[in-house]
Amino acid sequence: MQHLVFVYGTLRKGESNHHFIEQSEYLGMCETLPEYALYDLGAYPAVVPGRSSIQGEVYWVDDEVLAKLDLLEDVPVEYRRETMMTPFGLAWIYLYQQPAELDVEIASGDWFQRV
């Protein structure tokens, strides 16, 4: 089975975990509705419900890749998967579940502009 996945941090092209999805079909860039907030946790980002738009990429992934992403994201402990609408259809997004640890918001909504 194929799944759409929206990635916004270390899974994006050029980032440290992109190898997990580099063989998957890249559909394009996407900006979410203003329903999220992006935070810098140092080595990786966190997205939680909020009032900002987030920049990311959308991929078609198979069951095997999705299972590997769930392990990487420590679902359901550190992150959970929810669906969101993209121009390509309904996609999974990983939302952070430890909001007490958040303090450095990336106002641009783009992980690439965190510095």
C-alpha atoms as a PDB file:
ATOM      1  CA  MET A   1       0.000   0.000   0.000  1.00  0.00           C
ATOM      2  CA  GLN A   2       1.152   3.546  -0.721  1.00  0.00           C
ATOM      3  CA  HIS A   3       0.904   6.456   1.719  1.00  0.00           C
ATOM      4  CA  LEU A   4       1.442  10.186   1.336  1.00  0.00           C
ATOM      5  CA  VAL A   5       3.806  11.620   3.948  1.00  0.00           C
ATOM      6  CA  PHE A   6       4.542  15.294   4.641  1.00  0.00           C
ATOM      7  CA  VAL A   7       8.095  15.790   5.947  1.00  0.00           C
ATOM      8  CA  TYR A   8       9.334  19.056   7.423  1.00  0.00           C
ATOM      9  CA  GLY A   9      12.735  18.450   9.048  1.00  0.00           C
ATOM     10  CA  THR A  10      15.565  15.920   8.898  1.00  0.00           C
ATOM     11  CA  LEU A  11      13.724  13.801   6.302  1.00  0.00           C
ATOM     12  CA  ARG A  12      13.791  16.623   3.722  1.00  0.00           C
ATOM     13  CA  LYS A  13      16.229  16.626   0.797  1.00  0.00           C
ATOM     14  CA  GLY A  14      19.770  17.377   1.949  1.00  0.00           C
ATOM     15  CA  GLU A  15      19.052  16.598   5.588  1.00  0.00           C
ATOM     16  CA  SER A  16      20.495  13.866   7.834  1.00  0.00           C
ATOM     17  CA  ASN A  17      17.598  11.376   7.627  1.00  0.00           C
ATOM     18  CA  HIS A  18      16.616  11.852   3.974  1.00  0.00           C
ATOM     19  CA  HIS A  19      18.111   8.428   3.176  1.00  0.00           C
ATOM     20  CA  PHE A  20      14.999   6.863   4.741  1.00  0.00           C
ATOM     21  CA  ILE A  21      12.824   8.202   1.894  1.00  0.00           C
ATOM     22  CA  GLU A  22      15.246   8.980  -0.937  1.00  0.00           C
ATOM     23  CA  GLN A  23      13.978   5.977  -2.946  1.00  0.00           C
ATOM     24  CA  SER A  24      10.344   7.081  -2.493  1.00  0.00           C
ATOM     25  CA  GLU A  25       8.524   9.217  -5.051  1.00  0.00           C
ATOM     26  CA  TYR A  26       8.887  12.949  -4.368  1.00  0.00           C
ATOM     27  CA  LEU A  27       5.694  14.810  -5.274  1.00  0.00           C
ATOM     28  CA  GLY A  28       6.644  18.376  -4.398  1.00  0.00           C
ATOM     29  CA  MET A  29       6.838  21.148  -1.870  1.00  0.00           C
ATOM     30  CA  CYS A  30       3.879  21.958   0.314  1.00  0.00           C
ATOM     31  CA  GLU A  31       2.903  24.597   2.860  1.00  0.00           C
ATOM     32  CA  THR A  32       0.412  23.582   5.540  1.00  0.00           C
ATOM     33  CA  LEU A  33      -2.593  25.576   6.584  1.00  0.00           C
ATOM     34  CA  PRO A  34      -1.815  27.873   9.564  1.00  0.00           C
ATOM     35  CA  GLU A  35      -2.611  25.138  12.080  1.00  0.00           C
ATOM     36  CA  TYR A  36       0.864  24.235  13.393  1.00  0.00           C
ATOM     37  CA  ALA A  37       3.977  25.553  15.128  1.00  0.00           C
ATOM     38  CA  LEU A  38       7.549  24.434  14.322  1.00  0.00           C
ATOM     39  CA  TYR A  39      10.180  24.177  17.073  1.00  0.00           C
ATOM     40  CA  ASP A  40      13.929  23.567  17.041  1.00  0.00           C
ATOM     41  CA  LEU A  41      14.944  20.743  19.377  1.00  0.00           C
ATOM     42  CA  GLY A  42      18.596  20.970  18.343  1.00  0.00           C
ATOM     43  CA  ALA A  43      19.235  17.886  16.219  1.00  0.00           C
ATOM     44  CA  TYR A  44      15.689  17.743  14.839  1.00  0.00           C
ATOM     45  CA  PRO A  45      12.436  19.714  14.763  1.00  0.00           C
ATOM     46  CA  ALA A  46       9.055  19.293  16.394  1.00  0.00           C
ATOM     47  CA  VAL A  47       5.649  20.299  15.039  1.00  0.00           C
ATOM     48  CA  VAL A  48       2.683  20.798  17.356  1.00  0.00           C
ATOM     49  CA  PRO A  49      -0.751  22.334  16.861  1.00  0.00           C
ATOM     50  CA  GLY A  50      -0.495  26.110  16.560  1.00  0.00           C
ATOM     51  CA  ARG A  51      -1.208  29.057  14.271  1.00  0.00           C
ATOM     52  CA  SER A  52       1.626  28.961  11.725  1.00  0.00           C
ATOM     53  CA  SER A  53       2.154  27.385   8.318  1.00  0.00           C
ATOM     54  CA  ILE A  54       4.929  24.802   7.980  1.00  0.00           C
ATOM     55  CA  GLN A  55       7.079  24.248   4.869  1.00  0.00           C
ATOM     56  CA  GLY A  56       7.788  20.707   3.788  1.00  0.00           C
ATOM     57  CA  GLU A  57       7.921  18.052   1.113  1.00  0.00           C
ATOM     58  CA  VAL A  58       5.402  15.361   0.204  1.00  0.00           C
ATOM     59  CA  TYR A  59       6.380  11.803  -0.736  1.00  0.00           C
ATOM     60  CA  TRP A  60       4.656   8.569  -1.712  1.00  0.00           C
ATOM     61  CA  VAL A  61       5.995   5.849   0.609  1.00  0.00           C
ATOM     62  CA  ASP A  62       5.189   2.147   0.887  1.00  0.00           C
ATOM     63  CA  ASP A  63       4.270   0.223   4.047  1.00  0.00           C
ATOM     64  CA  GLU A  64       7.902  -0.742   4.706  1.00  0.00           C
ATOM     65  CA  VAL A  65       9.151   2.860   4.543  1.00  0.00           C
ATOM     66  CA  LEU A  66       6.235   4.092   6.683  1.00  0.00           C
ATOM     67  CA  ALA A  67       7.092   1.462   9.323  1.00  0.00           C
ATOM     68  CA  LYS A  68      10.724   2.658   9.322  1.00  0.00           C
ATOM     69  CA  LEU A  69       9.584   6.270   9.676  1.00  0.00           C
ATOM     70  CA  ASP A  70       7.382   5.300  12.634  1.00  0.00           C
ATOM     71  CA  LEU A  71      10.435   3.722  14.302  1.00  0.00           C
ATOM     72  CA  LEU A  72      12.582   6.775  13.561  1.00  0.00           C
ATOM     73  CA  GLU A  73       9.933   9.108  14.978  1.00  0.00           C
ATOM     74  CA  ASP A  74       9.335   6.825  18.008  1.00  0.00           C
ATOM     75  CA  VAL A  75       5.591   6.523  17.355  1.00  0.00           C
ATOM     76  CA  PRO A  76       3.542   6.566  19.565  1.00  0.00           C
ATOM     77  CA  VAL A  77       5.897   7.788  22.322  1.00  0.00           C
ATOM     78  CA  GLU A  78       7.703  10.902  21.065  1.00  0.00           C
ATOM     79  CA  TYR A  79       5.575  11.585  17.974  1.00  0.00           C
ATOM     80  CA  ARG A  80       2.158  10.568  16.712  1.00  0.00           C
ATOM     81  CA  ARG A  81       0.898  10.409  13.139  1.00  0.00           C
ATOM     82  CA  GLU A  82      -2.095  12.486  12.042  1.00  0.00           C
ATOM     83  CA  THR A  83      -3.498  13.277   8.624  1.00  0.00           C
ATOM     84  CA  MET A  84      -3.449  16.661   6.927  1.00  0.00           C
ATOM     85  CA  MET A  85      -4.620  17.858   3.538  1.00  0.00           C
ATOM     86  CA  THR A  86      -1.983  18.637   0.892  1.00  0.00           C
ATOM     87  CA  PRO A  87      -2.344  19.601  -2.786  1.00  0.00           C
ATOM     88  CA  PHE A  88      -1.529  15.927  -3.485  1.00  0.00           C
ATOM     89  CA  GLY A  89      -4.197  14.490  -1.172  1.00  0.00           C
ATOM     90  CA  LEU A  90      -4.442  13.414   2.461  1.00  0.00           C
ATOM     91  CA  ALA A  91      -0.961  12.870   3.934  1.00  0.00           C
ATOM     92  CA  TRP A  92       0.539  11.765   7.221  1.00  0.00           C
ATOM     93  CA  ILE A  93       2.331  14.359   9.370  1.00  0.00           C
ATOM     94  CA  TYR A  94       4.322  13.543  12.515  1.00  0.00           C
ATOM     95  CA  LEU A  95       3.310  15.670  15.524  1.00  0.00           C
ATOM     96  CA  TYR A  96       5.458  16.000  18.635  1.00  0.00           C
ATOM     97  CA  GLN A  97       3.948  14.819  21.924  1.00  0.00           C
ATOM     98  CA  GLN A  98       6.276  16.393  24.521  1.00  0.00           C
ATOM     99  CA  PRO A  99       5.193  20.081  24.386  1.00  0.00           C
ATOM    100  CA  ALA A 100       6.724  20.914  27.794  1.00  0.00           C
ATOM    101  CA  GLU A 101      10.165  20.575  26.136  1.00  0.00           C
ATOM    102  CA  LEU A 102       9.489  23.255  23.491  1.00  0.00           C
ATOM    103  CA  ASP A 103      11.035  26.698  23.744  1.00  0.00           C
ATOM    104  CA  VAL A 104      12.717  27.723  20.440  1.00  0.00           C
ATOM    105  CA  GLU A 105      10.019  28.337  17.837  1.00  0.00           C
ATOM    106  CA  ILE A 106      11.051  28.667  14.180  1.00  0.00           C
ATOM    107  CA  ALA A 107       8.783  31.563  13.210  1.00  0.00           C
ATOM    108  CA  SER A 108       9.317  31.115   9.461  1.00  0.00           C
ATOM    109  CA  GLY A 109       7.841  27.603   9.631  1.00  0.00           C
ATOM    110  CA  ASP A 110      10.810  26.346   7.593  1.00  0.00           C
ATOM    111  CA  TRP A 111      13.418  24.019   9.158  1.00  0.00           C
ATOM    112  CA  PHE A 112      15.960  25.216   6.559  1.00  0.00           C
ATOM    113  CA  GLN A 113      15.714  28.749   8.016  1.00  0.00           C
ATOM    114  CA  ARG A 114      16.267  27.752  11.652  1.00  0.00           C
ATOM    115  CA  VAL A 115      19.657  29.480  12.035  1.00  0.00           C
END
